[in-house]
Amino acid sequence: MPPPVIDQSRTAPGSITHRPLAGQSKVRQKIEPKFNLLDFARQTMKTPGSIGAIAPSSKYVANSVMSLANLDNAKTVVELGPGTGVFTEQIIKKIGSDTTFFALELNKVFVQATKDRCPQAEVYHDTAQSIRHYLNKHEADHCDCIVSSLPWTIFDPEDQNILLETLSSVLAPGGSFVSIVYLGAKTRRRGRHFIDSLPTHFNTVYKTKTVWKNMPPTQIYRCGN
């Protein structure tokens, strides 16, 4: 039998010190993102079949994701579906200068939005299924952490299974797959399938309490091998 899903009601933030990237000043001037809420809404209306959110993730969700990602010792980190770069910005703050990091985003407008927000990030215009190709490109066999904002309730169950199998196979032993899942996913067939499939592909599955300060409210799942 697959291992049960365990609710994790409290998560202590990791004590991670920020090491600046090579050539980056310790005093970092904040770059205001050019992409606003109205721009995000336009993209959602243009491509409703590929974007599962109605607004970028809040800082509260980003903080919860970062506390679960365990980035302090990660040598290779991959982000799937960065959107406008909310998580990307936080990942770059947490990782060290020797960490390999890249993101995969299907929406070309979001690719540019993330690059504008995080000029030092490697953001590729490609699907999450191509993760192994880009790991090879960066001369990495596995990754220590995968952070996902993918709209799982949009994917067919068969596509979910294929992608989850791929992610499990590229995740290093002891690594973390951290994914946001919007509240109400279990009320939808594809959402139920994704959540119920996690224990089949990963040895451990933890779920946080709902982060209400987000649109829509969100839970975060952390899975590991």
Protein backbone atom coordinates (compact mmCIF):
# COMPACT_ATOMS: atom_id res chain seq x y z
CA MET A 1 0.00 0.00 0.00
CA PRO A 2 1.22 3.55 -0.70
CA PRO A 3 2.16 5.59 2.36
CA PRO A 4 -0.59 7.83 3.78
CA VAL A 5 -0.69 11.55 3.25
CA ILE A 6 0.26 13.33 6.46
CA ASP A 7 -1.07 16.79 7.30
CA GLN A 8 1.70 19.05 8.51
CA SER A 9 -0.07 21.69 10.56
CA ARG A 10 2.99 23.64 11.57
CA THR A 11 6.13 24.26 9.60
CA ALA A 12 9.10 26.03 11.11
CA PRO A 13 10.89 28.31 8.66
CA GLY A 14 14.43 27.21 7.92
CA SER A 15 17.20 29.42 9.20
CA ILE A 16 18.73 30.18 5.82
CA THR A 17 21.30 32.91 5.37
CA HIS A 18 21.38 34.74 2.05
CA ARG A 19 24.62 34.57 0.15
CA PRO A 20 24.74 37.02 -2.77
CA LEU A 21 25.29 35.70 -6.25
CA ALA A 22 28.67 36.24 -7.85
CA GLY A 23 29.09 39.86 -8.83
CA GLN A 24 25.97 40.86 -6.93
CA SER A 25 26.22 43.61 -4.32
CA LYS A 26 25.19 42.72 -0.80
CA VAL A 27 23.08 45.85 -0.83
CA ARG A 28 20.52 44.81 -3.41
CA GLN A 29 18.30 47.44 -4.96
CA LYS A 30 14.76 46.17 -5.31
CA ILE A 31 13.59 45.94 -8.90
CA GLU A 32 9.91 46.75 -9.22
CA PRO A 33 8.18 44.19 -11.45
CA LYS A 34 6.78 45.64 -14.67
CA PHE A 35 4.02 43.03 -14.72
CA ASN A 36 0.89 43.99 -12.76
CA LEU A 37 -2.34 42.31 -11.70
CA LEU A 38 -4.21 43.51 -14.78
CA ASP A 39 -1.53 42.03 -17.04
CA PHE A 40 -1.89 38.70 -15.22
CA ALA A 41 -5.67 38.77 -15.66
CA ARG A 42 -5.26 39.41 -19.38
CA GLN A 43 -3.04 36.35 -19.73
CA THR A 44 -5.53 34.23 -17.79
CA MET A 45 -8.35 35.30 -20.13
CA LYS A 46 -6.22 34.74 -23.23
CA THR A 47 -5.09 31.23 -22.24
CA PRO A 48 -7.58 29.89 -19.65
CA GLY A 49 -6.59 26.32 -20.48
CA SER A 50 -2.99 26.75 -19.34
CA ILE A 51 -3.15 29.12 -16.35
CA GLY A 52 -4.78 27.83 -13.18
CA ALA A 53 -4.66 31.05 -11.13
CA ILE A 54 -6.44 34.37 -11.27
CA ALA A 55 -3.62 36.32 -9.60
CA PRO A 56 0.07 35.86 -8.72
CA SER A 57 0.81 34.00 -5.49
CA SER A 58 0.93 36.13 -2.35
CA LYS A 59 4.00 36.69 -0.18
CA TYR A 60 2.37 34.47 2.46
CA VAL A 61 2.28 31.51 0.09
CA ALA A 62 5.84 32.30 -1.05
CA ASN A 63 7.03 32.29 2.57
CA SER A 64 5.38 28.92 3.23
CA VAL A 65 6.88 27.43 0.07
CA MET A 66 10.36 28.68 0.97
CA SER A 67 10.10 27.26 4.49
CA LEU A 68 9.37 23.82 3.04
CA ALA A 69 11.85 23.85 0.15
CA ASN A 70 15.02 23.34 2.25
CA LEU A 71 17.16 25.39 -0.11
CA ASP A 72 20.11 25.96 2.21
CA ASN A 73 21.92 22.77 1.16
CA ALA A 74 20.46 22.44 -2.35
CA LYS A 75 22.98 22.24 -5.19
CA THR A 76 20.42 22.07 -8.01
CA VAL A 77 16.99 23.75 -7.87
CA VAL A 78 14.29 23.80 -10.57
CA GLU A 79 11.13 25.89 -10.65
CA LEU A 80 8.17 24.83 -12.77
CA GLY A 81 5.66 27.44 -13.88
CA PRO A 82 7.19 30.54 -12.27
CA GLY A 83 4.47 32.81 -13.66
CA THR A 84 5.54 36.37 -12.88
CA GLY A 85 8.49 35.33 -10.71
CA VAL A 86 7.09 35.63 -7.16
CA PHE A 87 8.77 32.39 -6.04
CA THR A 88 11.74 32.92 -8.35
CA GLU A 89 12.66 36.12 -6.53
CA GLN A 90 12.60 34.34 -3.17
CA ILE A 91 14.53 31.30 -4.43
CA ILE A 92 17.35 33.52 -5.70
CA LYS A 93 17.57 35.17 -2.29
CA LYS A 94 17.91 31.79 -0.56
CA ILE A 95 20.32 29.83 -2.77
CA GLY A 96 24.08 30.18 -2.79
CA SER A 97 26.32 31.32 -5.62
CA ASP A 98 27.31 27.71 -6.40
CA THR A 99 23.71 26.49 -6.76
CA THR A 100 22.41 25.58 -10.21
CA PHE A 101 18.96 27.10 -10.72
CA PHE A 102 16.64 27.39 -13.69
CA ALA A 103 12.91 27.73 -14.34
CA LEU A 104 10.60 26.35 -17.03
CA GLU A 105 7.59 28.41 -18.12
CA LEU A 106 5.18 27.65 -20.98
CA ASN A 107 3.69 31.14 -21.28
CA LYS A 108 6.05 33.38 -23.26
CA VAL A 109 4.71 36.58 -21.64
CA PHE A 110 5.35 35.12 -18.17
CA VAL A 111 8.86 34.11 -19.22
CA GLN A 112 9.65 37.74 -19.95
CA ALA A 113 7.88 38.92 -16.78
CA THR A 114 10.04 36.61 -14.66
CA LYS A 115 13.20 37.72 -16.48
CA ASP A 116 12.27 41.36 -15.89
CA ARG A 117 11.73 40.68 -12.22
CA CYS A 118 14.79 38.45 -11.81
CA PRO A 119 17.36 39.32 -14.50
CA GLN A 120 19.90 36.87 -13.08
CA ALA A 121 17.54 33.87 -13.39
CA GLU A 122 17.74 31.29 -16.18
CA VAL A 123 14.15 31.05 -17.45
CA TYR A 124 13.40 28.76 -20.38
CA HIS A 125 10.29 28.92 -22.56
CA ASP A 126 9.41 25.24 -22.42
CA THR A 127 7.17 22.67 -20.74
CA ALA A 128 7.82 20.98 -17.40
CA GLN A 129 8.19 17.65 -19.22
CA SER A 130 11.53 18.94 -20.54
CA ILE A 131 13.10 19.09 -17.09
CA ARG A 132 15.54 16.24 -17.77
CA HIS A 133 16.78 17.94 -20.95
CA TYR A 134 17.64 21.12 -19.06
CA LEU A 135 19.22 19.22 -16.19
CA ASN A 136 21.51 17.63 -18.77
CA LYS A 137 22.14 21.06 -20.26
CA HIS A 138 23.34 22.21 -16.84
CA GLU A 139 25.35 18.98 -16.38
CA ALA A 140 23.17 17.77 -13.50
CA ASP A 141 21.83 14.24 -13.14
CA HIS A 142 19.29 15.06 -10.44
CA CYS A 143 17.91 18.07 -8.61
CA ASP A 144 17.64 18.60 -4.86
CA CYS A 145 14.48 20.68 -4.98
CA ILE A 146 11.61 21.22 -7.40
CA VAL A 147 9.25 24.12 -6.72
CA SER A 148 6.01 23.96 -8.69
CA SER A 149 3.16 26.37 -9.40
CA LEU A 150 1.79 24.20 -12.19
CA PRO A 151 -2.02 24.16 -12.65
CA TRP A 152 -2.49 20.46 -11.91
CA THR A 153 -6.30 20.61 -12.11
CA ILE A 154 -5.98 21.56 -15.78
CA PHE A 155 -3.88 18.50 -16.72
CA ASP A 156 -5.45 15.21 -17.75
CA PRO A 157 -4.81 12.37 -15.25
CA GLU A 158 -2.58 10.59 -17.78
CA ASP A 159 -0.45 13.71 -18.24
CA GLN A 160 -0.27 14.14 -14.47
CA ASN A 161 1.02 10.59 -14.06
CA ILE A 162 3.67 11.00 -16.74
CA LEU A 163 4.93 14.27 -15.29
CA LEU A 164 4.90 13.05 -11.68
CA GLU A 165 6.86 9.97 -12.71
CA THR A 166 9.42 12.20 -14.44
CA LEU A 167 9.72 14.53 -11.44
CA SER A 168 10.14 11.62 -9.05
CA SER A 169 12.86 10.12 -11.23
CA VAL A 170 14.93 13.33 -11.39
CA LEU A 171 14.56 14.19 -7.69
CA ALA A 172 17.69 13.31 -5.71
CA PRO A 173 17.39 11.07 -2.60
CA GLY A 174 16.43 13.30 0.28
CA GLY A 175 15.24 16.01 -2.13
CA SER A 176 11.95 17.90 -1.98
CA PHE A 177 9.16 18.42 -4.48
CA VAL A 178 7.09 21.38 -3.26
CA SER A 179 3.85 22.23 -5.05
CA ILE A 180 1.02 24.64 -4.40
CA VAL A 181 -2.53 23.27 -4.73
CA TYR A 182 -5.49 25.63 -4.66
CA LEU A 183 -8.21 25.06 -2.11
CA GLY A 184 -11.09 23.15 -3.62
CA ALA A 185 -8.89 20.99 -5.86
CA LYS A 186 -10.37 17.85 -4.28
CA THR A 187 -13.81 18.89 -5.48
CA ARG A 188 -12.60 18.45 -9.06
CA ARG A 189 -11.81 15.09 -10.63
CA ARG A 190 -8.37 16.10 -11.89
CA GLY A 191 -7.50 17.74 -8.59
CA ARG A 192 -8.46 14.59 -6.66
CA HIS A 193 -6.41 12.49 -9.02
CA PHE A 194 -3.30 14.63 -8.52
CA ILE A 195 -3.54 14.62 -4.72
CA ASP A 196 -4.35 10.90 -4.53
CA SER A 197 -1.47 10.07 -6.90
CA LEU A 198 1.27 11.75 -4.85
CA PRO A 199 1.85 8.78 -2.48
CA THR A 200 2.21 6.52 -5.54
CA HIS A 201 5.17 8.52 -6.85
CA PHE A 202 6.81 9.71 -3.62
CA ASN A 203 7.70 8.02 -0.35
CA THR A 204 6.63 10.93 1.85
CA VAL A 205 3.82 13.44 1.40
CA TYR A 206 3.11 16.35 3.74
CA LYS A 207 0.36 18.96 3.48
CA THR A 208 0.26 22.34 5.19
CA LYS A 209 -2.74 24.14 6.58
CA THR A 210 -4.56 26.42 4.15
CA VAL A 211 -2.94 29.76 3.44
CA TRP A 212 -6.01 31.98 3.36
CA LYS A 213 -4.17 35.16 2.38
CA ASN A 214 -4.02 34.25 -1.29
CA MET A 215 -6.37 34.36 -4.26
CA PRO A 216 -7.50 31.62 -4.31
CA PRO A 217 -6.60 30.17 -0.87
CA THR A 218 -3.84 27.60 -1.17
CA GLN A 219 -2.29 24.54 0.45
CA ILE A 220 1.31 23.47 -0.08
CA TYR A 221 2.38 19.86 -0.54
CA ARG A 222 5.94 18.69 0.08
CA CYS A 223 6.92 15.29 -1.25
CA GLY A 224 10.19 13.37 -1.08
CA ASN A 225 11.88 10.14 -2.15
